[in-house]
Amino acid sequence: MPAAIVGLHRAEVWSDNSDWVTAVLSIVLAVAFATLLDRAFSRRGRLAEAVRSGGLNPKLDTRLRFVRRLLYATIVLIGVAIALSQFTGLSRLAASVLASGAIAAAIIGFAARQTLANVVAGIMLAITQPLRVGDWVAFEGEYGIVEDVRLNFTVLRTGSVRVIIPNERLAAGILRNDTLISDHVGLEVELWLAPGADVEQAIAVLEQESGGGVRAAEVTFEGIRLAVSGEPVSPSERIPQEAELRLRCLKRLRAEGLLAAD
């Protein structure tokens, strides 16, 4: 008799709390499965070997990162939706709200418009790839290497600083990608000559010094702006190499007497 009572009590406890137990298990299983899948993508082992021996190229690496996070978020959201569906009250409330599609769309769209816009922009960036992980880009005065492309923002590393750029802003803005086609970037520095300076001689001297092309980029009443090109270098060396090229050109112009004192 006591055993039967205990069994009946356990059945009542389960029936009273089955919704909560199922909801918790749904979320736990969803997070666990999403985590395992995320780790499988992050290792990139077998997939990377199947696609390209010796590692991932920037295009595939960027897409894998984005797909990995998109799958993680989708699986977790499905688990949460299953958990919420276990509660009758919430199911009825959701059904009544979703019965009016226009109202539901308006509420969801207004509350999450910025987040959704960034996610959609992130999908576009992952597909079209105007930038990839490892690219050196310039955007709104910031120049650095793309460290990661996430669901709603992109991480740009400039020196020791990480710049977080919303994907919507990145997709709609003007972006300069120095390594989209080649892994090396050309050097270019600008120098100003006095209005009465010998431009032809200055160009000849700078071509000899830089080993690259020199052109008169602008002529104003204040002087002549020369653009001097140098040999391509890796993006990480661009800033110090341009500084060194500028200094050499200034020294050469001064030695030739082409930098007149004010």
Protein backbone atom coordinates (compact mmCIF):
# COMPACT_ATOMS: atom_id res chain seq x y z
CA MET A 1 0.00 0.00 0.00
CA PRO A 2 2.69 2.57 0.85
CA ALA A 3 4.50 1.75 -2.41
CA ALA A 4 1.31 2.36 -4.36
CA ILE A 5 0.81 5.68 -2.59
CA VAL A 6 4.38 6.72 -3.34
CA GLY A 7 3.94 5.81 -6.99
CA LEU A 8 0.71 7.78 -7.15
CA HIS A 9 2.39 10.75 -5.52
CA ARG A 10 5.24 10.64 -8.03
CA ALA A 11 2.76 10.50 -10.90
CA GLU A 12 0.96 13.55 -9.53
CA VAL A 13 4.23 15.44 -9.12
CA TRP A 14 5.23 14.61 -12.70
CA SER A 15 1.84 15.65 -14.07
CA ASP A 16 1.99 18.92 -12.16
CA ASN A 17 5.54 19.76 -13.29
CA SER A 18 5.88 18.02 -16.63
CA ASP A 19 5.58 21.31 -18.53
CA TRP A 20 8.46 22.83 -16.60
CA VAL A 21 10.63 19.75 -16.93
CA THR A 22 10.01 19.53 -20.68
CA ALA A 23 10.69 23.23 -21.11
CA VAL A 24 13.99 23.07 -19.23
CA LEU A 25 15.07 19.96 -21.12
CA SER A 26 14.22 21.61 -24.44
CA ILE A 27 16.41 24.61 -23.69
CA VAL A 28 19.26 22.50 -22.26
CA LEU A 29 19.25 20.13 -25.24
CA ALA A 30 19.07 23.02 -27.72
CA VAL A 31 22.03 24.80 -26.09
CA ALA A 32 24.01 21.55 -25.88
CA PHE A 33 23.37 20.66 -29.51
CA ALA A 34 24.13 24.21 -30.67
CA THR A 35 27.37 24.21 -28.65
CA LEU A 36 28.52 20.90 -30.12
CA LEU A 37 27.74 22.11 -33.64
CA ASP A 38 29.53 25.39 -32.96
CA ARG A 39 32.64 23.55 -31.79
CA ALA A 40 32.53 21.34 -34.86
CA PHE A 41 32.49 24.42 -37.08
CA SER A 42 35.15 26.22 -35.06
CA ARG A 43 37.58 23.32 -35.42
CA ARG A 44 37.04 23.36 -39.20
CA GLY A 45 39.06 20.18 -39.36
CA ARG A 46 37.33 17.70 -41.66
CA LEU A 47 35.43 20.33 -43.60
CA ALA A 48 38.56 22.39 -44.16
CA GLU A 49 40.48 19.32 -45.34
CA ALA A 50 37.66 18.37 -47.70
CA VAL A 51 37.42 21.84 -49.21
CA ARG A 52 41.02 22.88 -49.32
CA SER A 53 44.08 21.17 -47.98
CA GLY A 54 46.36 23.40 -45.98
CA GLY A 55 43.69 25.61 -44.42
CA LEU A 56 40.73 27.80 -45.22
CA ASN A 57 40.78 30.65 -47.66
CA PRO A 58 39.36 34.00 -46.45
CA LYS A 59 36.04 33.60 -48.31
CA LEU A 60 35.24 30.21 -46.84
CA ASP A 61 36.50 31.18 -43.40
CA THR A 62 34.20 34.22 -43.32
CA ARG A 63 31.17 32.22 -44.42
CA LEU A 64 31.85 29.43 -41.94
CA ARG A 65 32.07 31.89 -39.08
CA PHE A 66 28.78 33.51 -40.07
CA VAL A 67 26.93 30.25 -40.71
CA ARG A 68 28.21 28.86 -37.41
CA ARG A 69 26.74 31.74 -35.40
CA LEU A 70 23.53 31.79 -37.43
CA LEU A 71 22.95 28.08 -36.78
CA TYR A 72 23.70 28.51 -33.08
CA ALA A 73 21.18 31.33 -32.70
CA THR A 74 18.54 29.47 -34.74
CA ILE A 75 18.84 26.25 -32.72
CA VAL A 76 18.65 28.10 -29.40
CA LEU A 77 15.60 30.06 -30.57
CA ILE A 78 13.88 26.82 -31.61
CA GLY A 79 14.60 25.35 -28.17
CA VAL A 80 13.14 28.42 -26.46
CA ALA A 81 10.08 28.29 -28.71
CA ILE A 82 9.51 24.62 -27.85
CA ALA A 83 9.90 25.41 -24.15
CA LEU A 84 7.38 28.23 -24.29
CA SER A 85 4.90 26.07 -26.20
CA GLN A 86 4.64 23.74 -23.17
CA PHE A 87 2.70 26.31 -21.20
CA THR A 88 -0.96 26.54 -22.11
CA GLY A 89 -1.33 30.14 -21.05
CA LEU A 90 1.58 31.31 -23.17
CA SER A 91 0.39 29.22 -26.11
CA ARG A 92 -3.02 30.83 -25.98
CA LEU A 93 -1.50 34.28 -25.64
CA ALA A 94 0.82 33.63 -28.60
CA ALA A 95 -2.05 32.28 -30.67
CA SER A 96 -4.18 35.34 -29.94
CA VAL A 97 -1.34 37.69 -30.81
CA LEU A 98 -0.34 35.83 -33.97
CA ALA A 99 -3.98 35.76 -35.05
CA SER A 100 -3.49 39.34 -36.10
CA GLY A 101 -0.54 39.14 -38.47
CA ALA A 102 -0.34 42.86 -39.08
CA ILE A 103 -0.15 43.70 -35.39
CA ALA A 104 2.44 41.01 -34.71
CA ALA A 105 4.57 42.13 -37.64
CA ALA A 106 4.35 45.75 -36.56
CA ILE A 107 5.34 44.96 -32.96
CA ILE A 108 8.22 42.68 -33.89
CA GLY A 109 9.43 44.96 -36.65
CA PHE A 110 9.40 48.05 -34.42
CA ALA A 111 11.07 46.35 -31.44
CA ALA A 112 13.82 44.61 -33.39
CA ARG A 113 14.19 46.73 -36.51
CA GLN A 114 17.81 47.69 -35.81
CA THR A 115 18.87 44.17 -34.84
CA LEU A 116 17.12 42.61 -37.83
CA ALA A 117 18.64 45.20 -40.16
CA ASN A 118 22.13 44.37 -38.88
CA VAL A 119 21.52 40.61 -39.23
CA VAL A 120 20.20 41.02 -42.79
CA ALA A 121 23.19 43.21 -43.61
CA GLY A 122 25.46 40.56 -42.09
CA ILE A 123 23.92 37.92 -44.37
CA MET A 124 24.53 40.17 -47.37
CA LEU A 125 28.14 40.73 -46.31
CA ALA A 126 28.68 36.98 -45.87
CA ILE A 127 27.28 36.26 -49.35
CA THR A 128 28.73 39.14 -51.41
CA GLN A 129 31.90 39.47 -49.29
CA PRO A 130 33.14 43.01 -49.94
CA LEU A 131 35.35 42.22 -46.96
CA ARG A 132 36.62 38.96 -45.48
CA VAL A 133 38.32 37.85 -42.30
CA GLY A 134 41.97 38.88 -42.65
CA ASP A 135 41.36 41.72 -45.13
CA TRP A 136 42.86 45.17 -44.51
CA VAL A 137 40.13 47.77 -44.91
CA ALA A 138 39.50 51.46 -44.32
CA PHE A 139 36.08 52.61 -43.12
CA GLU A 140 35.11 56.06 -41.87
CA GLY A 141 38.66 57.01 -40.92
CA GLU A 142 39.50 53.64 -39.32
CA TYR A 143 42.10 51.39 -40.93
CA GLY A 144 42.88 47.87 -39.80
CA ILE A 145 42.44 44.14 -40.31
CA VAL A 146 39.04 42.42 -40.25
CA GLU A 147 39.18 40.17 -37.21
CA ASP A 148 35.66 38.75 -37.31
CA VAL A 149 32.31 39.11 -39.10
CA ARG A 150 29.48 38.33 -36.68
CA LEU A 151 25.70 38.22 -36.98
CA ASN A 152 25.10 41.90 -36.31
CA PHE A 153 28.52 43.57 -36.26
CA THR A 154 32.05 43.34 -37.65
CA VAL A 155 35.24 43.57 -35.58
CA LEU A 156 38.07 45.66 -37.04
CA ARG A 157 41.44 45.56 -35.30
CA THR A 158 43.50 48.73 -35.57
CA GLY A 159 46.74 48.17 -33.70
CA SER A 160 45.76 47.09 -30.19
CA VAL A 161 42.24 48.55 -30.46
CA ARG A 162 39.11 46.71 -31.63
CA VAL A 163 36.57 48.83 -33.52
CA ILE A 164 33.00 47.46 -33.55
CA ILE A 165 31.07 48.41 -36.71
CA PRO A 166 27.34 47.58 -37.10
CA ASN A 167 26.81 45.50 -40.22
CA GLU A 168 24.03 47.76 -41.53
CA ARG A 169 26.33 50.77 -41.42
CA LEU A 170 29.12 48.78 -43.04
CA ALA A 171 26.91 47.51 -45.86
CA ALA A 172 25.57 50.99 -46.64
CA GLY A 173 28.87 52.88 -46.33
CA ILE A 174 31.88 53.38 -48.58
CA LEU A 175 34.54 50.77 -47.83
CA ARG A 176 38.12 50.58 -49.07
CA ASN A 177 39.50 47.04 -49.16
CA ASP A 178 43.23 46.95 -49.84
CA THR A 179 43.52 43.14 -50.00
CA LEU A 180 40.37 42.14 -51.86
CA ILE A 181 42.36 41.25 -54.98
CA SER A 182 45.97 41.08 -53.82
CA ASP A 183 47.70 40.41 -50.51
CA HIS A 184 49.96 43.44 -51.04
CA VAL A 185 49.16 47.14 -51.19
CA GLY A 186 50.92 49.91 -53.05
CA LEU A 187 52.54 52.83 -51.26
CA GLU A 188 51.55 56.41 -52.00
CA VAL A 189 52.64 59.58 -50.24
CA GLU A 190 51.92 63.22 -51.00
CA LEU A 191 54.38 66.09 -51.03
CA TRP A 192 53.86 69.82 -51.62
CA LEU A 193 56.15 72.04 -53.65
CA ALA A 194 56.26 75.81 -53.64
CA PRO A 195 54.40 77.51 -56.56
CA GLY A 196 57.63 78.50 -58.28
CA ALA A 197 59.44 75.16 -57.90
CA ASP A 198 60.77 73.23 -60.88
CA VAL A 199 58.07 70.53 -61.13
CA GLU A 200 59.74 68.57 -63.95
CA GLN A 201 63.01 68.28 -62.05
CA ALA A 202 61.21 67.36 -58.82
CA ILE A 203 59.31 64.57 -60.59
CA ALA A 204 62.48 63.19 -62.14
CA VAL A 205 64.30 63.26 -58.81
CA LEU A 206 61.46 61.60 -56.92
CA GLU A 207 61.06 58.88 -59.55
CA GLN A 208 64.71 58.04 -59.13
CA GLU A 209 64.47 58.06 -55.33
CA SER A 210 61.21 56.09 -54.95
CA GLY A 211 61.53 53.70 -57.87
CA GLY A 212 57.85 54.28 -58.60
CA GLY A 213 55.60 56.71 -60.42
CA VAL A 214 55.24 60.39 -59.60
CA ARG A 215 52.41 62.63 -60.78
CA ALA A 216 51.26 66.19 -60.26
CA ALA A 217 48.01 65.51 -58.42
CA GLU A 218 46.92 69.10 -57.79
CA VAL A 219 47.97 72.65 -58.62
CA THR A 220 46.77 75.57 -56.49
CA PHE A 221 47.92 79.10 -55.72
CA GLU A 222 49.55 77.69 -52.57
CA GLY A 223 51.70 75.15 -54.43
CA ILE A 224 51.84 71.87 -56.33
CA ARG A 225 50.86 68.55 -54.75
CA LEU A 226 52.86 65.56 -55.95
CA ALA A 227 51.72 61.96 -55.44
CA VAL A 228 54.63 59.54 -55.13
CA SER A 229 54.07 55.77 -55.48
CA GLY A 230 56.28 53.05 -54.05
CA GLU A 231 56.72 49.30 -54.28
CA PRO A 232 53.86 47.14 -52.95
CA VAL A 233 54.23 45.87 -49.38
CA SER A 234 52.17 43.83 -46.96
CA PRO A 235 49.33 45.83 -45.35
CA SER A 236 50.85 45.60 -41.88
CA GLU A 237 53.97 47.42 -43.17
CA ARG A 238 52.12 50.10 -45.10
CA ILE A 239 52.14 52.92 -42.51
CA PRO A 240 55.83 52.68 -41.49
CA GLN A 241 56.93 52.18 -45.10
CA GLU A 242 54.96 55.24 -46.24
CA ALA A 243 56.53 57.29 -43.45
CA GLU A 244 59.99 56.11 -44.48
CA LEU A 245 59.29 56.87 -48.18
CA ARG A 246 58.01 60.35 -47.34
CA LEU A 247 61.10 61.11 -45.30
CA ARG A 248 63.46 59.93 -48.06
CA CYS A 249 61.66 62.04 -50.65
CA LEU A 250 61.79 65.14 -48.47
CA LYS A 251 65.51 64.68 -47.84
CA ARG A 252 66.18 64.24 -51.57
CA LEU A 253 64.16 67.34 -52.50
CA ARG A 254 65.98 69.34 -49.84
CA ALA A 255 69.35 68.09 -51.06
CA GLU A 256 68.45 69.13 -54.64
CA GLY A 257 67.37 72.58 -53.47
CA LEU A 258 63.75 72.03 -54.50
CA LEU A 259 62.27 72.80 -51.08
CA ALA A 260 62.55 76.54 -50.91
CA ALA A 261 62.34 78.21 -47.50
CA ASP A 262 59.28 80.37 -46.81
